[in-house]
Amino acid sequence: MIVWVVRPVPERGAHWVRPGLVAQIGFTEWTRDGMLRPPRFLGLRDDKRPEDVVRERPARG
């Protein structure tokens, strides 16, 4: 489960909402600039609340 904890610069007229859904995202790797390669939507999770999501760290090995 991936969560971005970056405060974006607000755009004029933007309307912010609270997270209400949790998605499962698959990917092969993180790029050096912190992007996912290639990301793919695996589905929605109903067993986890948005406030319980944490950014997973890759296992070293």
C-alpha atoms as a PDB file:
ATOM      1  CA  MET A   1       0.000   0.000   0.000  1.00  0.00           C
ATOM      2  CA  ILE A   2       1.447   3.334  -0.994  1.00  0.00           C
ATOM      3  CA  VAL A   3       0.671   6.713   0.515  1.00  0.00           C
ATOM      4  CA  TRP A   4       2.153   9.990  -0.627  1.00  0.00           C
ATOM      5  CA  VAL A   5       2.794  12.372   2.231  1.00  0.00           C
ATOM      6  CA  VAL A   6       3.596  15.471   0.210  1.00  0.00           C
ATOM      7  CA  ARG A   7       1.664  18.696   0.564  1.00  0.00           C
ATOM      8  CA  PRO A   8       1.031  19.897  -3.005  1.00  0.00           C
ATOM      9  CA  VAL A   9       0.898  23.550  -3.930  1.00  0.00           C
ATOM     10  CA  PRO A  10      -2.814  24.451  -4.072  1.00  0.00           C
ATOM     11  CA  GLU A  11      -4.112  25.498  -7.461  1.00  0.00           C
ATOM     12  CA  ARG A  12      -6.549  28.353  -7.812  1.00  0.00           C
ATOM     13  CA  GLY A  13     -10.088  27.050  -7.412  1.00  0.00           C
ATOM     14  CA  ALA A  14      -8.982  23.659  -6.054  1.00  0.00           C
ATOM     15  CA  HIS A  15     -11.434  21.832  -3.781  1.00  0.00           C
ATOM     16  CA  TRP A  16      -9.698  19.438  -1.378  1.00  0.00           C
ATOM     17  CA  VAL A  17     -11.468  16.345  -0.031  1.00  0.00           C
ATOM     18  CA  ARG A  18     -10.625  13.773   2.628  1.00  0.00           C
ATOM     19  CA  PRO A  19      -9.555  10.292   1.455  1.00  0.00           C
ATOM     20  CA  GLY A  20     -12.438   7.854   1.559  1.00  0.00           C
ATOM     21  CA  LEU A  21     -11.187   4.834  -0.394  1.00  0.00           C
ATOM     22  CA  VAL A  22      -8.069   2.679  -0.223  1.00  0.00           C
ATOM     23  CA  ALA A  23      -6.613   1.248  -3.438  1.00  0.00           C
ATOM     24  CA  GLN A  24      -4.164  -1.623  -3.844  1.00  0.00           C
ATOM     25  CA  ILE A  25      -1.414  -0.636  -6.303  1.00  0.00           C
ATOM     26  CA  GLY A  26       1.150  -3.001  -7.782  1.00  0.00           C
ATOM     27  CA  PHE A  27       4.472  -1.942  -9.288  1.00  0.00           C
ATOM     28  CA  THR A  28       7.870  -3.310 -10.236  1.00  0.00           C
ATOM     29  CA  GLU A  29      10.164  -0.724  -8.684  1.00  0.00           C
ATOM     30  CA  TRP A  30      10.670   2.789  -7.353  1.00  0.00           C
ATOM     31  CA  THR A  31      12.597   5.096  -9.675  1.00  0.00           C
ATOM     32  CA  ARG A  32      15.402   7.281  -8.326  1.00  0.00           C
ATOM     33  CA  ASP A  33      13.067  10.278  -8.300  1.00  0.00           C
ATOM     34  CA  GLY A  34      10.456   8.444  -6.208  1.00  0.00           C
ATOM     35  CA  MET A  35       8.018   7.412  -8.949  1.00  0.00           C
ATOM     36  CA  LEU A  36       6.485   3.939  -9.390  1.00  0.00           C
ATOM     37  CA  ARG A  37       7.448   1.877 -12.433  1.00  0.00           C
ATOM     38  CA  PRO A  38       5.064   0.649 -13.933  1.00  0.00           C
ATOM     39  CA  PRO A  39       2.137   1.258 -11.562  1.00  0.00           C
ATOM     40  CA  ARG A  40      -1.051  -0.775 -11.965  1.00  0.00           C
ATOM     41  CA  PHE A  41      -4.387  -0.624 -10.186  1.00  0.00           C
ATOM     42  CA  LEU A  42      -5.160  -3.942  -8.480  1.00  0.00           C
ATOM     43  CA  GLY A  43      -8.449  -3.009  -6.869  1.00  0.00           C
ATOM     44  CA  LEU A  44     -10.093  -1.312  -3.922  1.00  0.00           C
ATOM     45  CA  ARG A  45      -9.619  -2.540  -0.358  1.00  0.00           C
ATOM     46  CA  ASP A  46     -12.556  -2.644   2.022  1.00  0.00           C
ATOM     47  CA  ASP A  47     -10.515  -4.125   4.883  1.00  0.00           C
ATOM     48  CA  LYS A  48      -8.468  -0.976   5.560  1.00  0.00           C
ATOM     49  CA  ARG A  49      -9.429   2.606   6.411  1.00  0.00           C
ATOM     50  CA  PRO A  50      -7.551   5.507   4.758  1.00  0.00           C
ATOM     51  CA  GLU A  51      -6.179   6.677   8.116  1.00  0.00           C
ATOM     52  CA  ASP A  52      -4.626   3.207   8.701  1.00  0.00           C
ATOM     53  CA  VAL A  53      -2.555   3.253   5.501  1.00  0.00           C
ATOM     54  CA  VAL A  54       1.222   3.631   5.794  1.00  0.00           C
ATOM     55  CA  ARG A  55       3.920   3.796   3.145  1.00  0.00           C
ATOM     56  CA  GLU A  56       5.635   0.424   2.894  1.00  0.00           C
ATOM     57  CA  ARG A  57       9.405   0.331   2.651  1.00  0.00           C
ATOM     58  CA  PRO A  58      11.149  -2.163   0.345  1.00  0.00           C
ATOM     59  CA  ALA A  59      12.853  -5.108   2.008  1.00  0.00           C
ATOM     60  CA  ARG A  60      16.622  -5.033   1.781  1.00  0.00           C
ATOM     61  CA  GLY A  61      18.120  -8.207   0.558  1.00  0.00           C
END
